Amino acid sequence: MTLLVGAIFPSEELLGPFIPSALRQLSPQTGVIIAADSRWTFPSGRTEDGAVKVFGVHANGLGAYAGSAAAGEDVIIRLSTDALAGDTIEEFTSRVRSIIADAWLAHQPNEDGLEILFGYSQPSGYAWLGHFSSLDDFEPHHVPNLELIGPERATIHFAQALRAAVIENRERTKTTAQSISIDSSATLICAVINDVCELQTHEKVGGKILCAVTMFGLPRGLGFTRIRPGPSGITVDEIGLDAKEGQTLRPGFNYVPPSEDI
């Protein structure tokens, strides 16, 4: 099982209850952050770190999975290669749900379950993030702020540590609108996931931290092998998110998404 985190930027969960007034003038949903650990857990109980579970989807979207790795990768491939257009958000999410359900059906029976986070941003500033779960036949659930998926001990620890980190970060930096960015919020999320991994909160959560953000229609991948406190804040060692840096179940699985926007 994976610790999978999805967040809308800006949000109170990432910036605290007193979001600077300049940010309130932005769209309530301007960017999307998705982050995860990189541990696979096999039926025997053996674990392996270094898996890629966060991917780019089309030219401006992000997708990630938790649960069945084989089914999750198939879902990402389908989302990246099938047309996702819809005249309304309802038509769009219905299309996404159908693609996920069809890919999942090919892997039945399956006791691992499957959780999908899928989001995108547009140049206009609009962003959307959704959660699809095999527990309710992949009914679309809009994520307005923050979504945590994973073992209960890990998600509880993450939520508590994130609240503390947001307060500490604000007090240390005397946060202003100019000092806030989607990258700093993504790094904060990754630092908290790293804390969950290093403290071995749950045996199925560990390894490198993978993260991706999309804002104003521009997605970017980030990855961290090590995150630690530094004299001026959080210090990180970054990695890339290509096939050379992470593992998938399929050798060479490193598709090039179509160029059209969602």
Foldseek 3Di string as FASTA:
>chain_A
DKKKKKFFPPDCLLQNPCAAPVCVPADLGFKMKIKIFAWDADPVRDIDGFADFWDAAAQFKIKGKDWDQQLSLQLRVQRQEDDQDDPDVVSSLVSSLVSSLVSVVVPPPDDRWMKMWMKGHALVRHIWIWIFTVVVSGDTDTDSGMDIDDDPQLRVQLSVVSVVLSVVVCVQVVDDPVPDDPVVSNLSSQVSLQVSAVVCSDVRGHAKMWMWMGGSRHIDTWIFRDWDADPNGIDTDIDHNACVRGDGPDVPPGDDGHHDDD
